[in-house]
Amino acid sequence: MLIKTRGIVLSYLKYRESSIITRVYTEQRGVQSYL
């Protein structure tokens, strides 16, 4: 499923060599984590 929304990045963390984990606040979904 693909959802398009705007958000504010609260934090990010490097994960392995080529990925990051981000915590994003969006109006529609609140705080979410993405890889």
Foldseek 3Di string as FASTA:
>chain_A
DDDDFDWDWPDWADDPDPDIWTWTATPVPGTDIDD
